[in-house]
């Protein structure tokens, strides 16, 4: 499986977090949030955005999981 560069993952996580706090009733915000969620899933090889966020954050520099339960 191809692995996204940490800088790309960092950008995707930042974009997701920014869009997540905006008004979900706005169709443009909702579309962009769906797009970045899908891209995060593809970039991390996961099936849902929550798992994608965990996987992306674990691959970012400075990520130090306390145990491997998040990966199992």
PDB file of N, CA and C in Angstrom:
ATOM      1  N   UNK A   1       0.841  -1.179   0.000  1.00  0.00           N
ATOM      2  CA  UNK A   1       0.000   0.000   0.000  1.00  0.00           C
ATOM      3  C   UNK A   1       0.885   1.241   0.000  1.00  0.00           C
ATOM      4  N   UNK A   2       0.509   2.219  -0.784  1.00  0.00           N
ATOM      5  CA  UNK A   2       1.223   3.490  -0.794  1.00  0.00           C
ATOM      6  C   UNK A   2       0.946   4.242   0.496  1.00  0.00           C
ATOM      7  N   UNK A   3       1.944   4.936   0.987  1.00  0.00           N
ATOM      8  CA  UNK A   3       1.788   5.708   2.214  1.00  0.00           C
ATOM      9  C   UNK A   3       1.911   7.192   1.893  1.00  0.00           C
ATOM     10  N   UNK A   4       0.964   7.972   2.363  1.00  0.00           N
ATOM     11  CA  UNK A   4       0.999   9.417   2.150  1.00  0.00           C
ATOM     12  C   UNK A   4       2.120  10.029   2.975  1.00  0.00           C
ATOM     13  N   UNK A   5       2.723  11.056   2.442  1.00  0.00           N
ATOM     14  CA  UNK A   5       3.777  11.782   3.136  1.00  0.00           C
ATOM     15  C   UNK A   5       3.184  12.438   4.390  1.00  0.00           C
ATOM     16  N   UNK A   6       3.930  12.469   5.504  1.00  0.00           N
ATOM     17  CA  UNK A   6       3.412  13.101   6.724  1.00  0.00           C
ATOM     18  C   UNK A   6       2.942  14.541   6.524  1.00  0.00           C
ATOM     19  N   UNK A   7       3.578  15.289   5.644  1.00  0.00           N
ATOM     20  CA  UNK A   7       3.141  16.668   5.398  1.00  0.00           C
ATOM     21  C   UNK A   7       1.751  16.698   4.769  1.00  0.00           C
ATOM     22  N   UNK A   8       1.480  15.740   3.891  1.00  0.00           N
ATOM     23  CA  UNK A   8       0.158  15.644   3.271  1.00  0.00           C
ATOM     24  C   UNK A   8      -0.879  15.274   4.325  1.00  0.00           C
ATOM     25  N   UNK A   9      -0.543  14.305   5.166  1.00  0.00           N
ATOM     26  CA  UNK A   9      -1.464  13.906   6.226  1.00  0.00           C
ATOM     27  C   UNK A   9      -1.734  15.060   7.183  1.00  0.00           C
ATOM     28  N   UNK A  10      -0.702  15.787   7.532  1.00  0.00           N
ATOM     29  CA  UNK A  10      -0.871  16.928   8.431  1.00  0.00           C
ATOM     30  C   UNK A  10      -1.823  17.958   7.822  1.00  0.00           C
ATOM     31  N   UNK A  11      -1.650  18.232   6.534  1.00  0.00           N
ATOM     32  CA  UNK A  11      -2.525  19.179   5.848  1.00  0.00           C
ATOM     33  C   UNK A  11      -3.970  18.685   5.837  1.00  0.00           C
ATOM     34  N   UNK A  12      -4.168  17.406   5.560  1.00  0.00           N
ATOM     35  CA  UNK A  12      -5.519  16.847   5.530  1.00  0.00           C
ATOM     36  C   UNK A  12      -6.188  16.912   6.897  1.00  0.00           C
ATOM     37  N   UNK A  13      -5.444  16.578   7.944  1.00  0.00           N
ATOM     38  CA  UNK A  13      -5.992  16.646   9.306  1.00  0.00           C
ATOM     39  C   UNK A  13      -6.347  18.083   9.656  1.00  0.00           C
ATOM     40  N   UNK A  14      -5.471  19.019   9.333  1.00  0.00           N
ATOM     41  CA  UNK A  14      -5.756  20.439   9.598  1.00  0.00           C
ATOM     42  C   UNK A  14      -7.011  20.900   8.857  1.00  0.00           C
ATOM     43  N   UNK A  15      -7.125  20.527   7.581  1.00  0.00           N
ATOM     44  CA  UNK A  15      -8.302  20.916   6.798  1.00  0.00           C
ATOM     45  C   UNK A  15      -9.572  20.309   7.378  1.00  0.00           C
ATOM     46  N   UNK A  16      -9.500  19.026   7.772  1.00  0.00           N
ATOM     47  CA  UNK A  16     -10.658  18.367   8.358  1.00  0.00           C
ATOM     48  C   UNK A  16     -11.085  19.082   9.643  1.00  0.00           C
ATOM     49  N   UNK A  17     -10.131  19.358  10.524  1.00  0.00           N
ATOM     50  CA  UNK A  17     -10.450  20.005  11.796  1.00  0.00           C
ATOM     51  C   UNK A  17     -11.035  21.398  11.589  1.00  0.00           C
ATOM     52  N   UNK A  18     -10.529  22.135  10.623  1.00  0.00           N
ATOM     53  CA  UNK A  18     -11.061  23.467  10.329  1.00  0.00           C
ATOM     54  C   UNK A  18     -12.493  23.375   9.814  1.00  0.00           C
ATOM     55  N   UNK A  19     -12.728  22.488   8.854  1.00  0.00           N
ATOM     56  CA  UNK A  19     -14.065  22.350   8.282  1.00  0.00           C
ATOM     57  C   UNK A  19     -15.066  21.781   9.284  1.00  0.00           C
ATOM     58  N   UNK A  20     -14.584  20.923  10.171  1.00  0.00           N
ATOM     59  CA  UNK A  20     -15.449  20.255  11.144  1.00  0.00           C
ATOM     60  C   UNK A  20     -16.121  21.248  12.097  1.00  0.00           C
ATOM     61  N   UNK A  21     -15.476  22.377  12.372  1.00  0.00           N
ATOM     62  CA  UNK A  21     -16.055  23.354  13.302  1.00  0.00           C
ATOM     63  C   UNK A  21     -16.931  24.386  12.593  1.00  0.00           C
ATOM     64  N   UNK A  22     -16.942  24.387  11.261  1.00  0.00           N
ATOM     65  CA  UNK A  22     -17.777  25.321  10.515  1.00  0.00           C
ATOM     66  C   UNK A  22     -19.213  24.800  10.419  1.00  0.00           C
ATOM     67  N   UNK A  23     -20.103  25.624   9.912  1.00  0.00           N
ATOM     68  CA  UNK A  23     -21.532  25.311   9.817  1.00  0.00           C
ATOM     69  C   UNK A  23     -21.791  24.152   8.851  1.00  0.00           C
ATOM     70  N   UNK A  24     -22.228  22.992   9.355  1.00  0.00           N
ATOM     71  CA  UNK A  24     -22.484  21.848   8.475  1.00  0.00           C
ATOM     72  C   UNK A  24     -23.716  22.037   7.579  1.00  0.00           C
ATOM     73  N   UNK A  25     -24.529  23.048   7.860  1.00  0.00           N
ATOM     74  CA  UNK A  25     -25.701  23.306   7.024  1.00  0.00           C
ATOM     75  C   UNK A  25     -25.311  23.977   5.700  1.00  0.00           C
ATOM     76  N   UNK A  26     -24.135  24.556   5.668  1.00  0.00           N
ATOM     77  CA  UNK A  26     -23.635  25.193   4.448  1.00  0.00           C
ATOM     78  C   UNK A  26     -23.229  24.099   3.459  1.00  0.00           C
ATOM     79  N   UNK A  27     -23.857  24.050   2.287  1.00  0.00           N
ATOM     80  CA  UNK A  27     -23.559  22.982   1.327  1.00  0.00           C
ATOM     81  C   UNK A  27     -22.091  22.931   0.893  1.00  0.00           C
ATOM     82  N   UNK A  28     -21.448  24.081   0.771  1.00  0.00           N
ATOM     83  CA  UNK A  28     -20.031  24.109   0.373  1.00  0.00           C
ATOM     84  C   UNK A  28     -19.160  23.505   1.471  1.00  0.00           C
ATOM     85  N   UNK A  29     -19.432  23.847   2.715  1.00  0.00           N
ATOM     86  CA  UNK A  29     -18.673  23.279   3.845  1.00  0.00           C
ATOM     87  C   UNK A  29     -18.883  21.771   3.893  1.00  0.00           C
ATOM     88  N   UNK A  30     -20.126  21.338   3.749  1.00  0.00           N
ATOM     89  CA  UNK A  30     -20.438  19.906   3.792  1.00  0.00           C
ATOM     90  C   UNK A  30     -19.720  19.165   2.665  1.00  0.00           C
ATOM     91  N   UNK A  31     -19.727  19.717   1.448  1.00  0.00           N
ATOM     92  CA  UNK A  31     -19.053  19.073   0.308  1.00  0.00           C
ATOM     93  C   UNK A  31     -17.551  18.983   0.539  1.00  0.00           C
ATOM     94  N   UNK A  32     -16.961  20.081   1.010  1.00  0.00           N
ATOM     95  CA  UNK A  32     -15.509  20.079   1.247  1.00  0.00           C
ATOM     96  C   UNK A  32     -15.139  19.119   2.381  1.00  0.00           C
ATOM     97  N   UNK A  33     -15.999  19.025   3.409  1.00  0.00           N
ATOM     98  CA  UNK A  33     -15.746  18.094   4.509  1.00  0.00           C
ATOM     99  C   UNK A  33     -15.833  16.648   4.011  1.00  0.00           C
ATOM    100  N   UNK A  34     -16.803  16.362   3.164  1.00  0.00           N
ATOM    101  CA  UNK A  34     -16.906  15.018   2.575  1.00  0.00           C
ATOM    102  C   UNK A  34     -15.682  14.703   1.726  1.00  0.00           C
ATOM    103  N   UNK A  35     -15.216  15.673   0.956  1.00  0.00           N
ATOM    104  CA  UNK A  35     -14.036  15.469   0.110  1.00  0.00           C
ATOM    105  C   UNK A  35     -12.785  15.177   0.935  1.00  0.00           C
ATOM    106  N   UNK A  36     -12.555  15.992   1.955  1.00  0.00           N
ATOM    107  CA  UNK A  36     -11.341  15.795   2.759  1.00  0.00           C
ATOM    108  C   UNK A  36     -11.448  14.509   3.579  1.00  0.00           C
ATOM    109  N   UNK A  37     -12.656  14.148   4.007  1.00  0.00           N
ATOM    110  CA  UNK A  37     -12.843  12.891   4.740  1.00  0.00           C
ATOM    111  C   UNK A  37     -12.505  11.704   3.848  1.00  0.00           C
ATOM    112  N   UNK A  38     -13.002  11.736   2.617  1.00  0.00           N
ATOM    113  CA  UNK A  38     -12.720  10.668   1.665  1.00  0.00           C
ATOM    114  C   UNK A  38     -11.215  10.578   1.388  1.00  0.00           C
ATOM    115  N   UNK A  39     -10.588  11.722   1.174  1.00  0.00           N
ATOM    116  CA  UNK A  39      -9.157  11.743   0.885  1.00  0.00           C
ATOM    117  C   UNK A  39      -8.351  11.208   2.056  1.00  0.00           C
ATOM    118  N   UNK A  40      -8.748  11.553   3.275  1.00  0.00           N
ATOM    119  CA  UNK A  40      -8.082  11.018   4.466  1.00  0.00           C
ATOM    120  C   UNK A  40      -8.200   9.494   4.507  1.00  0.00           C
ATOM    121  N   UNK A  41      -9.374   8.983   4.207  1.00  0.00           N
ATOM    122  CA  UNK A  41      -9.572   7.529   4.210  1.00  0.00           C
ATOM    123  C   UNK A  41      -8.692   6.846   3.165  1.00  0.00           C
ATOM    124  N   UNK A  42      -8.641   7.416   1.978  1.00  0.00           N
ATOM    125  CA  UNK A  42      -7.810   6.840   0.919  1.00  0.00           C
ATOM    126  C   UNK A  42      -6.331   6.916   1.300  1.00  0.00           C
ATOM    127  N   UNK A  43      -5.908   8.052   1.828  1.00  0.00           N
ATOM    128  CA  UNK A  43      -4.495   8.258   2.164  1.00  0.00           C
ATOM    129  C   UNK A  43      -4.026   7.358   3.294  1.00  0.00           C
ATOM    130  N   UNK A  44      -4.949   6.920   4.149  1.00  0.00           N
ATOM    131  CA  UNK A  44      -4.564   6.089   5.291  1.00  0.00           C
ATOM    132  C   UNK A  44      -4.987   4.639   5.138  1.00  0.00           C
ATOM    133  N   UNK A  45      -5.727   4.331   4.063  1.00  0.00           N
ATOM    134  CA  UNK A  45      -6.162   2.954   3.848  1.00  0.00           C
ATOM    135  C   UNK A  45      -7.217   2.504   4.835  1.00  0.00           C
ATOM    136  N   UNK A  46      -8.060   3.433   5.284  1.00  0.00           N
ATOM    137  CA  UNK A  46      -9.102   3.109   6.259  1.00  0.00           C
ATOM    138  C   UNK A  46     -10.474   3.284   5.622  1.00  0.00           C
ATOM    139  N   UNK A  47     -11.507   2.854   6.356  1.00  0.00           N
ATOM    140  CA  UNK A  47     -12.849   2.895   5.813  1.00  0.00           C
ATOM    141  C   UNK A  47     -13.755   3.963   6.385  1.00  0.00           C
ATOM    142  N   UNK A  48     -13.317   4.637   7.444  1.00  0.00           N
ATOM    143  CA  UNK A  48     -14.137   5.721   7.985  1.00  0.00           C
ATOM    144  C   UNK A  48     -13.221   6.821   8.509  1.00  0.00           C
ATOM    145  N   UNK A  49     -13.790   8.008   8.629  1.00  0.00           N
ATOM    146  CA  UNK A  49     -12.972   9.181   8.939  1.00  0.00           C
ATOM    147  C   UNK A  49     -12.364   9.116  10.336  1.00  0.00           C
ATOM    148  N   UNK A  50     -13.060   8.523  11.303  1.00  0.00           N
ATOM    149  CA  UNK A  50     -12.485   8.434  12.643  1.00  0.00           C
ATOM    150  C   UNK A  50     -11.218   7.582  12.644  1.00  0.00           C
ATOM    151  N   UNK A  51     -11.276   6.442  11.974  1.00  0.00           N
ATOM    152  CA  UNK A  51     -10.095   5.587  11.865  1.00  0.00           C
ATOM    153  C   UNK A  51      -9.001   6.288  11.063  1.00  0.00           C
ATOM    154  N   UNK A  52      -9.393   7.036  10.042  1.00  0.00           N
ATOM    155  CA  UNK A  52      -8.420   7.758   9.223  1.00  0.00           C
ATOM    156  C   UNK A  52      -7.692   8.814  10.039  1.00  0.00           C
ATOM    157  N   UNK A  53      -8.419   9.518  10.894  1.00  0.00           N
ATOM    158  CA  UNK A  53      -7.785  10.536  11.736  1.00  0.00           C
ATOM    159  C   UNK A  53      -6.795   9.908  12.707  1.00  0.00           C
ATOM    160  N   UNK A  54      -7.176   8.791  13.306  1.00  0.00           N
ATOM    161  CA  UNK A  54      -6.258   8.097  14.226  1.00  0.00           C
ATOM    162  C   UNK A  54      -5.013   7.641  13.477  1.00  0.00           C
ATOM    163  N   UNK A  55      -5.217   7.006  12.320  1.00  0.00           N
ATOM    164  CA  UNK A  55      -4.084   6.510  11.530  1.00  0.00           C
ATOM    165  C   UNK A  55      -3.179   7.655  11.090  1.00  0.00           C
ATOM    166  N   UNK A  56      -3.762   8.747  10.649  1.00  0.00           N
ATOM    167  CA  UNK A  56      -2.962   9.890  10.197  1.00  0.00           C
ATOM    168  C   UNK A  56      -2.161  10.471  11.351  1.00  0.00           C
ATOM    169  N   UNK A  57      -2.803  10.661  12.485  1.00  0.00           N
ATOM    170  CA  UNK A  57      -2.101  11.253  13.636  1.00  0.00           C
ATOM    171  C   UNK A  57      -0.976  10.361  14.137  1.00  0.00           C
ATOM    172  N   UNK A  58      -1.159   9.052  14.025  1.00  0.00           N
ATOM    173  CA  UNK A  58      -0.096   8.128  14.449  1.00  0.00           C
ATOM    174  C   UNK A  58       1.119   8.200  13.530  1.00  0.00           C
ATOM    175  N   UNK A  59       0.922   8.629  12.297  1.00  0.00           N
ATOM    176  CA  UNK A  59       2.029   8.722  11.347  1.00  0.00           C
ATOM    177  C   UNK A  59       2.703  10.075  11.336  1.00  0.00           C
ATOM    178  N   UNK A  60       2.148  11.050  12.060  1.00  0.00           N
ATOM    179  CA  UNK A  60       2.739  12.386  12.076  1.00  0.00           C
ATOM    180  C   UNK A  60       3.956  12.412  12.986  1.00  0.00           C
ATOM    181  N   UNK A  61       4.923  13.269  12.666  1.00  0.00           N
ATOM    182  CA  UNK A  61       6.104  13.392  13.531  1.00  0.00           C
ATOM    183  C   UNK A  61       5.685  13.761  14.952  1.00  0.00           C
ATOM    184  N   UNK A  62       6.304  13.102  15.919  1.00  0.00           N
ATOM    185  CA  UNK A  62       6.003  13.380  17.317  1.00  0.00           C
ATOM    186  C   UNK A  62       4.924  12.490  17.887  1.00  0.00           C
ATOM    187  N   UNK A  63       4.287  11.657  17.056  1.00  0.00           N
ATOM    188  CA  UNK A  63       3.252  10.752  17.561  1.00  0.00           C
ATOM    189  C   UNK A  63       3.914   9.674  18.401  1.00  0.00           C
ATOM    190  N   UNK A  64       3.463   9.561  19.606  1.00  0.00           N
ATOM    191  CA  UNK A  64       4.016   8.561  20.517  1.00  0.00           C
ATOM    192  C   UNK A  64       2.870   7.854  21.226  1.00  0.00           C
ATOM    193  N   UNK A  65       2.309   6.808  20.603  1.00  0.00           N
ATOM    194  CA  UNK A  65       1.228   6.096  21.277  1.00  0.00           C
ATOM    195  C   UNK A  65       1.739   5.441  22.549  1.00  0.00           C
ATOM    196  N   UNK A  66       0.902   5.433  23.558  1.00  0.00           N
ATOM    197  CA  UNK A  66       1.280   4.827  24.834  1.00  0.00           C
ATOM    198  C   UNK A  66       1.330   3.306  24.719  1.00  0.00           C
ATOM    199  N   UNK A  67       0.508   2.750  23.861  1.00  0.00           N
ATOM    200  CA  UNK A  67       0.524   1.319  23.606  1.00  0.00           C
ATOM    201  C   UNK A  67       0.078   1.086  22.166  1.00  0.00           C
ATOM    202  N   UNK A  68      -0.013  -0.146  21.771  1.00  0.00           N
ATOM    203  CA  UNK A  68      -0.373  -0.431  20.382  1.00  0.00           C
ATOM    204  C   UNK A  68      -1.855  -0.744  20.215  1.00  0.00           C
ATOM    205  N   UNK A  69      -2.687  -0.447  21.213  1.00  0.00           N
ATOM    206  CA  UNK A  69      -4.100  -0.781  21.127  1.00  0.00           C
ATOM    207  C   UNK A  69      -4.811   0.020  20.046  1.00  0.00           C
ATOM    208  N   UNK A  70      -4.321   1.203  19.707  1.00  0.00           N
ATOM    209  CA  UNK A  70      -4.952   2.011  18.671  1.00  0.00           C
ATOM    210  C   UNK A  70      -4.722   1.421  17.291  1.00  0.00           C
ATOM    211  N   UNK A  71      -3.699   0.590  17.152  1.00  0.00           N
ATOM    212  CA  UNK A  71      -3.355   0.022  15.865  1.00  0.00           C
ATOM    213  C   UNK A  71      -4.038  -1.317  15.653  1.00  0.00           C
ATOM    214  N   UNK A  72      -4.402  -1.980  16.730  1.00  0.00           N
ATOM    215  CA  UNK A  72      -4.999  -3.328  16.652  1.00  0.00           C
ATOM    216  C   UNK A  72      -6.397  -3.293  16.106  1.00  0.00           C
TER     217      UNK A  72
END
